[in-house]
Amino acid sequence: MTARRTKIYFDGGCRPNPGAMEIAVVAGGAIEIDRDVGVGSSMDAEWLALIAALRLARRRGLADFVLLGDAAAVVHQATGAVRARGDAARHLATFRALAEDGPVPRIRHIKRTQNLAGIALARAGEVRK
């Protein structure tokens, strides 16, 4: 029997933009939501969510995992398909430094409707209102 690759979903957002940021990471049915990651843009929030997803993989000691997010710009910058500039370049440096501590992370863009972290974040917002 072969081990299955662990899917780790990530999402971030803020209201207003820029504004108070929140992030969510979902892996193996477990949901981690952080509603207070500072003030920034929606792009900053997406980067912080990606970094949190990689940290979760490292904490769990995962060797075979894929990071799944719906922010195409962040996914493309993190994979090197598009150059990261400004704040994104700083987030990328943080991500790469963390990535050096283990296997090269796989990152894939998915549709918003497939992003379990985004769904969890939206539902948590509904409950909070």
N, C-alpha and C. Protein backbone atom coordinates (compact mmCIF):
# COMPACT_ATOMS: atom_id res chain seq x y z
N MET A 1 0.84 -1.18 0.00
CA MET A 1 0.00 0.00 0.00
C MET A 1 0.89 1.25 0.00
N THR A 2 0.61 2.19 -0.88
CA THR A 2 1.41 3.40 -0.96
C THR A 2 0.76 4.52 -0.14
N ALA A 3 1.60 5.36 0.42
CA ALA A 3 1.10 6.50 1.19
C ALA A 3 0.52 7.53 0.23
N ARG A 4 -0.52 8.20 0.67
CA ARG A 4 -1.14 9.23 -0.16
C ARG A 4 -0.50 10.58 0.13
N ARG A 5 -0.38 11.36 -0.91
CA ARG A 5 0.14 12.72 -0.76
C ARG A 5 -0.87 13.53 0.05
N THR A 6 -0.38 14.27 1.04
CA THR A 6 -1.25 15.10 1.87
C THR A 6 -1.56 16.40 1.16
N LYS A 7 -2.83 16.74 1.08
CA LYS A 7 -3.26 18.00 0.49
C LYS A 7 -3.41 19.03 1.60
N ILE A 8 -2.76 20.16 1.43
CA ILE A 8 -2.85 21.25 2.40
C ILE A 8 -3.39 22.48 1.67
N TYR A 9 -4.59 22.89 2.05
CA TYR A 9 -5.26 24.03 1.43
C TYR A 9 -4.93 25.30 2.22
N PHE A 10 -4.72 26.40 1.52
CA PHE A 10 -4.45 27.67 2.21
C PHE A 10 -5.25 28.80 1.57
N ASP A 11 -5.62 29.78 2.40
CA ASP A 11 -6.33 30.95 1.89
C ASP A 11 -6.14 32.11 2.86
N GLY A 12 -6.13 33.30 2.33
CA GLY A 12 -6.03 34.50 3.15
C GLY A 12 -6.89 35.60 2.58
N GLY A 13 -7.24 36.54 3.42
CA GLY A 13 -8.05 37.65 2.97
C GLY A 13 -7.98 38.80 3.96
N CYS A 14 -8.58 39.91 3.56
CA CYS A 14 -8.64 41.06 4.45
C CYS A 14 -9.86 41.90 4.11
N ARG A 15 -10.31 42.65 5.11
CA ARG A 15 -11.42 43.58 4.92
C ARG A 15 -11.13 44.82 5.72
N PRO A 16 -11.17 46.00 5.13
CA PRO A 16 -11.14 46.26 3.68
C PRO A 16 -9.77 45.90 3.12
N ASN A 17 -9.53 46.19 1.88
CA ASN A 17 -8.25 45.88 1.26
C ASN A 17 -7.53 47.19 0.93
N PRO A 18 -6.45 47.54 1.59
CA PRO A 18 -5.81 46.82 2.69
C PRO A 18 -6.60 46.97 3.99
N GLY A 19 -6.35 46.04 4.88
CA GLY A 19 -7.05 46.05 6.16
C GLY A 19 -6.60 44.90 7.03
N ALA A 20 -7.43 44.56 8.02
CA ALA A 20 -7.13 43.47 8.94
C ALA A 20 -7.13 42.15 8.18
N MET A 21 -6.04 41.40 8.31
CA MET A 21 -5.88 40.15 7.56
C MET A 21 -6.24 38.95 8.41
N GLU A 22 -6.72 37.90 7.72
CA GLU A 22 -6.99 36.61 8.35
C GLU A 22 -6.57 35.52 7.38
N ILE A 23 -6.20 34.36 7.94
CA ILE A 23 -5.76 33.24 7.11
C ILE A 23 -6.37 31.94 7.61
N ALA A 24 -6.41 30.96 6.72
CA ALA A 24 -6.86 29.61 7.09
C ALA A 24 -6.00 28.59 6.36
N VAL A 25 -5.78 27.47 7.06
CA VAL A 25 -5.07 26.32 6.49
C VAL A 25 -5.88 25.09 6.86
N VAL A 26 -6.11 24.20 5.89
CA VAL A 26 -6.86 22.97 6.12
C VAL A 26 -6.02 21.79 5.63
N ALA A 27 -5.87 20.79 6.50
CA ALA A 27 -5.13 19.57 6.14
C ALA A 27 -5.70 18.41 6.92
N GLY A 28 -6.03 17.34 6.21
CA GLY A 28 -6.51 16.13 6.87
C GLY A 28 -7.74 16.35 7.73
N GLY A 29 -8.62 17.24 7.32
CA GLY A 29 -9.84 17.51 8.07
C GLY A 29 -9.66 18.48 9.22
N ALA A 30 -8.43 18.85 9.53
CA ALA A 30 -8.17 19.82 10.61
C ALA A 30 -8.10 21.23 10.01
N ILE A 31 -8.75 22.16 10.69
CA ILE A 31 -8.82 23.54 10.22
C ILE A 31 -8.07 24.44 11.21
N GLU A 32 -7.17 25.25 10.69
CA GLU A 32 -6.48 26.25 11.51
C GLU A 32 -6.82 27.62 10.93
N ILE A 33 -7.44 28.46 11.75
CA ILE A 33 -7.80 29.81 11.33
C ILE A 33 -7.12 30.80 12.27
N ASP A 34 -6.50 31.81 11.69
CA ASP A 34 -5.91 32.89 12.47
C ASP A 34 -6.54 34.18 11.97
N ARG A 35 -7.32 34.80 12.83
CA ARG A 35 -8.06 36.00 12.46
C ARG A 35 -7.27 37.29 12.69
N ASP A 36 -6.08 37.18 13.22
CA ASP A 36 -5.31 38.39 13.53
C ASP A 36 -3.86 38.22 13.11
N VAL A 37 -3.60 38.40 11.82
CA VAL A 37 -2.22 38.30 11.33
C VAL A 37 -1.69 39.67 10.91
N GLY A 38 -2.33 40.71 11.42
CA GLY A 38 -1.87 42.06 11.15
C GLY A 38 -2.69 42.77 10.10
N VAL A 39 -2.16 43.88 9.62
CA VAL A 39 -2.82 44.70 8.62
C VAL A 39 -2.00 44.63 7.34
N GLY A 40 -2.69 44.45 6.23
CA GLY A 40 -2.00 44.38 4.95
C GLY A 40 -2.99 44.21 3.83
N SER A 41 -2.49 43.83 2.68
CA SER A 41 -3.33 43.64 1.49
C SER A 41 -3.80 42.18 1.38
N SER A 42 -4.70 41.96 0.46
CA SER A 42 -5.17 40.58 0.24
C SER A 42 -4.01 39.71 -0.26
N MET A 43 -3.09 40.29 -1.01
CA MET A 43 -1.92 39.53 -1.48
C MET A 43 -1.03 39.15 -0.31
N ASP A 44 -0.83 40.09 0.63
CA ASP A 44 -0.06 39.77 1.84
C ASP A 44 -0.71 38.61 2.58
N ALA A 45 -2.03 38.66 2.73
CA ALA A 45 -2.76 37.61 3.45
C ALA A 45 -2.59 36.26 2.77
N GLU A 46 -2.64 36.23 1.45
CA GLU A 46 -2.45 34.97 0.72
C GLU A 46 -1.04 34.42 0.94
N TRP A 47 -0.05 35.29 0.91
CA TRP A 47 1.33 34.86 1.17
C TRP A 47 1.47 34.31 2.57
N LEU A 48 0.90 35.00 3.56
CA LEU A 48 1.00 34.53 4.95
C LEU A 48 0.31 33.18 5.11
N ALA A 49 -0.78 32.97 4.38
CA ALA A 49 -1.47 31.67 4.43
C ALA A 49 -0.60 30.57 3.82
N LEU A 50 0.06 30.86 2.70
CA LEU A 50 0.96 29.88 2.08
C LEU A 50 2.11 29.54 3.03
N ILE A 51 2.68 30.54 3.66
CA ILE A 51 3.77 30.30 4.62
C ILE A 51 3.27 29.48 5.80
N ALA A 52 2.07 29.77 6.29
CA ALA A 52 1.49 29.00 7.40
C ALA A 52 1.25 27.55 6.98
N ALA A 53 0.85 27.33 5.73
CA ALA A 53 0.63 25.97 5.23
C ALA A 53 1.94 25.18 5.21
N LEU A 54 3.01 25.82 4.76
CA LEU A 54 4.31 25.15 4.75
C LEU A 54 4.78 24.87 6.18
N ARG A 55 4.55 25.81 7.07
CA ARG A 55 4.93 25.58 8.48
C ARG A 55 4.17 24.39 9.06
N LEU A 56 2.90 24.26 8.71
CA LEU A 56 2.10 23.12 9.18
C LEU A 56 2.69 21.81 8.67
N ALA A 57 3.07 21.79 7.40
CA ALA A 57 3.68 20.58 6.82
C ALA A 57 4.97 20.23 7.56
N ARG A 58 5.76 21.22 7.87
CA ARG A 58 7.02 20.99 8.59
C ARG A 58 6.75 20.49 10.01
N ARG A 59 5.79 21.11 10.70
CA ARG A 59 5.44 20.68 12.06
C ARG A 59 5.01 19.23 12.09
N ARG A 60 4.27 18.81 11.07
CA ARG A 60 3.78 17.43 11.00
C ARG A 60 4.82 16.46 10.46
N GLY A 61 5.94 16.96 10.02
CA GLY A 61 6.99 16.10 9.49
C GLY A 61 6.63 15.46 8.16
N LEU A 62 5.80 16.14 7.38
CA LEU A 62 5.35 15.58 6.10
C LEU A 62 6.45 15.66 5.04
N ALA A 63 6.60 14.58 4.30
CA ALA A 63 7.58 14.55 3.20
C ALA A 63 6.88 14.64 1.85
N ASP A 64 5.66 14.15 1.77
CA ASP A 64 4.92 14.11 0.50
C ASP A 64 3.62 14.89 0.67
N PHE A 65 3.65 16.15 0.23
CA PHE A 65 2.48 17.01 0.38
C PHE A 65 2.40 17.98 -0.79
N VAL A 66 1.21 18.56 -0.97
CA VAL A 66 1.02 19.59 -1.99
C VAL A 66 0.25 20.73 -1.34
N LEU A 67 0.70 21.95 -1.60
CA LEU A 67 0.06 23.15 -1.08
C LEU A 67 -0.90 23.66 -2.15
N LEU A 68 -2.16 23.83 -1.79
CA LEU A 68 -3.21 24.16 -2.75
C LEU A 68 -3.86 25.49 -2.39
N GLY A 69 -3.81 26.45 -3.32
CA GLY A 69 -4.41 27.76 -3.07
C GLY A 69 -5.03 28.34 -4.31
N ASP A 70 -5.94 29.30 -4.10
CA ASP A 70 -6.66 29.88 -5.24
C ASP A 70 -6.11 31.24 -5.68
N ALA A 71 -5.04 31.70 -5.06
CA ALA A 71 -4.43 32.98 -5.45
C ALA A 71 -3.37 32.71 -6.52
N ALA A 72 -3.77 32.81 -7.77
CA ALA A 72 -2.88 32.48 -8.88
C ALA A 72 -1.57 33.26 -8.83
N ALA A 73 -1.64 34.55 -8.50
CA ALA A 73 -0.42 35.36 -8.47
C ALA A 73 0.58 34.82 -7.45
N VAL A 74 0.10 34.46 -6.27
CA VAL A 74 0.98 33.94 -5.22
C VAL A 74 1.56 32.59 -5.64
N VAL A 75 0.73 31.71 -6.18
CA VAL A 75 1.20 30.40 -6.62
C VAL A 75 2.28 30.57 -7.70
N HIS A 76 2.03 31.44 -8.66
CA HIS A 76 2.99 31.65 -9.74
C HIS A 76 4.29 32.28 -9.25
N GLN A 77 4.19 33.18 -8.28
CA GLN A 77 5.41 33.78 -7.72
C GLN A 77 6.18 32.75 -6.90
N ALA A 78 5.47 31.97 -6.10
CA ALA A 78 6.13 30.98 -5.23
C ALA A 78 6.81 29.88 -6.03
N THR A 79 6.26 29.53 -7.18
CA THR A 79 6.86 28.49 -8.01
C THR A 79 7.93 29.03 -8.95
N GLY A 80 8.07 30.35 -9.01
CA GLY A 80 9.08 30.96 -9.87
C GLY A 80 8.61 31.22 -11.28
N ALA A 81 7.33 30.97 -11.57
CA ALA A 81 6.81 31.21 -12.92
C ALA A 81 6.71 32.71 -13.22
N VAL A 82 6.52 33.51 -12.16
CA VAL A 82 6.41 34.96 -12.29
C VAL A 82 7.32 35.58 -11.23
N ARG A 83 7.96 36.66 -11.57
CA ARG A 83 8.86 37.33 -10.62
C ARG A 83 8.07 38.01 -9.51
N ALA A 84 8.52 37.84 -8.29
CA ALA A 84 7.92 38.50 -7.13
C ALA A 84 8.63 39.82 -6.90
N ARG A 85 7.85 40.88 -6.68
CA ARG A 85 8.42 42.21 -6.46
C ARG A 85 7.83 42.82 -5.19
N GLY A 86 8.52 43.80 -4.63
CA GLY A 86 8.02 44.52 -3.47
C GLY A 86 7.77 43.61 -2.28
N ASP A 87 6.60 43.78 -1.66
CA ASP A 87 6.24 42.96 -0.50
C ASP A 87 6.24 41.48 -0.84
N ALA A 88 5.82 41.14 -2.05
CA ALA A 88 5.78 39.73 -2.45
C ALA A 88 7.18 39.12 -2.43
N ALA A 89 8.18 39.89 -2.80
CA ALA A 89 9.57 39.39 -2.79
C ALA A 89 10.01 39.08 -1.36
N ARG A 90 9.59 39.89 -0.40
CA ARG A 90 9.93 39.63 1.00
C ARG A 90 9.23 38.36 1.49
N HIS A 91 7.96 38.20 1.13
CA HIS A 91 7.24 36.98 1.52
C HIS A 91 7.89 35.76 0.88
N LEU A 92 8.28 35.89 -0.39
CA LEU A 92 8.92 34.78 -1.10
C LEU A 92 10.23 34.39 -0.40
N ALA A 93 10.98 35.36 0.05
CA ALA A 93 12.24 35.06 0.76
C ALA A 93 11.96 34.27 2.04
N THR A 94 10.91 34.65 2.76
CA THR A 94 10.52 33.91 3.97
C THR A 94 10.12 32.49 3.62
N PHE A 95 9.32 32.34 2.57
CA PHE A 95 8.86 31.03 2.12
C PHE A 95 10.05 30.15 1.72
N ARG A 96 10.96 30.71 0.93
CA ARG A 96 12.12 29.93 0.47
C ARG A 96 13.03 29.52 1.63
N ALA A 97 13.20 30.41 2.61
CA ALA A 97 14.03 30.09 3.77
C ALA A 97 13.41 28.92 4.54
N LEU A 98 12.11 28.93 4.69
CA LEU A 98 11.41 27.84 5.37
C LEU A 98 11.47 26.56 4.54
N ALA A 99 11.39 26.69 3.22
CA ALA A 99 11.42 25.52 2.33
C ALA A 99 12.77 24.81 2.36
N GLU A 100 13.83 25.52 2.72
CA GLU A 100 15.16 24.91 2.79
C GLU A 100 15.25 23.84 3.87
N ASP A 101 14.33 23.87 4.82
CA ASP A 101 14.37 22.93 5.95
C ASP A 101 13.76 21.56 5.64
N GLY A 102 13.44 21.29 4.40
CA GLY A 102 12.83 20.00 4.08
C GLY A 102 12.68 19.82 2.59
N PRO A 103 11.81 18.87 2.20
CA PRO A 103 11.62 18.62 0.77
C PRO A 103 11.04 19.84 0.06
N VAL A 104 11.36 19.97 -1.22
CA VAL A 104 10.84 21.08 -2.02
C VAL A 104 9.32 20.97 -2.07
N PRO A 105 8.63 22.02 -1.66
CA PRO A 105 7.17 21.94 -1.63
C PRO A 105 6.55 22.02 -3.03
N ARG A 106 5.56 21.19 -3.24
CA ARG A 106 4.75 21.29 -4.46
C ARG A 106 3.65 22.30 -4.17
N ILE A 107 3.39 23.18 -5.13
CA ILE A 107 2.35 24.19 -4.96
C ILE A 107 1.49 24.16 -6.21
N ARG A 108 0.19 24.18 -6.02
CA ARG A 108 -0.72 24.10 -7.17
C ARG A 108 -1.86 25.10 -7.01
N HIS A 109 -2.22 25.73 -8.12
CA HIS A 109 -3.38 26.63 -8.14
C HIS A 109 -4.64 25.81 -8.33
N ILE A 110 -5.67 26.14 -7.56
CA ILE A 110 -6.97 25.48 -7.68
C ILE A 110 -8.06 26.55 -7.78
N LYS A 111 -9.24 26.12 -8.18
CA LYS A 111 -10.38 27.04 -8.24
C LYS A 111 -10.80 27.43 -6.83
N ARG A 112 -11.36 28.62 -6.72
CA ARG A 112 -11.84 29.10 -5.42
C ARG A 112 -12.86 28.14 -4.82
N THR A 113 -13.70 27.56 -5.65
CA THR A 113 -14.74 26.64 -5.16
C THR A 113 -14.17 25.33 -4.64
N GLN A 114 -12.92 25.03 -4.96
CA GLN A 114 -12.26 23.81 -4.50
C GLN A 114 -11.43 24.04 -3.24
N ASN A 115 -11.26 25.30 -2.86
CA ASN A 115 -10.34 25.63 -1.77
C ASN A 115 -11.03 25.47 -0.41
N LEU A 116 -10.73 24.35 0.25
CA LEU A 116 -11.35 24.07 1.55
C LEU A 116 -10.99 25.11 2.60
N ALA A 117 -9.81 25.71 2.50
CA ALA A 117 -9.42 26.76 3.46
C ALA A 117 -10.27 28.01 3.25
N GLY A 118 -10.51 28.37 2.01
CA GLY A 118 -11.35 29.52 1.71
C GLY A 118 -12.78 29.30 2.17
N ILE A 119 -13.27 28.09 1.98
CA ILE A 119 -14.63 27.75 2.42
C ILE A 119 -14.70 27.83 3.94
N ALA A 120 -13.69 27.30 4.63
CA ALA A 120 -13.67 27.35 6.10
C ALA A 120 -13.61 28.79 6.60
N LEU A 121 -12.82 29.62 5.95
CA LEU A 121 -12.69 31.01 6.34
C LEU A 121 -14.01 31.75 6.15
N ALA A 122 -14.68 31.50 5.03
CA ALA A 122 -15.97 32.14 4.77
C ALA A 122 -17.02 31.69 5.78
N ARG A 123 -17.06 30.42 6.07
CA ARG A 123 -18.05 29.90 7.04
C ARG A 123 -17.78 30.43 8.44
N ALA A 124 -16.53 30.53 8.81
CA ALA A 124 -16.18 31.06 10.13
C ALA A 124 -16.62 32.52 10.23
N GLY A 125 -16.51 33.26 9.13
CA GLY A 125 -16.95 34.65 9.11
C GLY A 125 -18.45 34.77 9.27
N GLU A 126 -19.20 33.82 8.69
CA GLU A 126 -20.66 33.82 8.83
C GLU A 126 -21.07 33.57 10.27
N VAL A 127 -20.37 32.66 10.94
CA VAL A 127 -20.68 32.32 12.32
C VAL A 127 -20.38 33.50 13.24
N ARG A 128 -19.33 34.23 12.93
CA ARG A 128 -18.88 35.34 13.77
C ARG A 128 -19.81 36.53 13.73
N LYS A 129 -20.55 36.71 12.65
CA LYS A 129 -21.41 37.89 12.48
C LYS A 129 -22.53 37.92 13.48
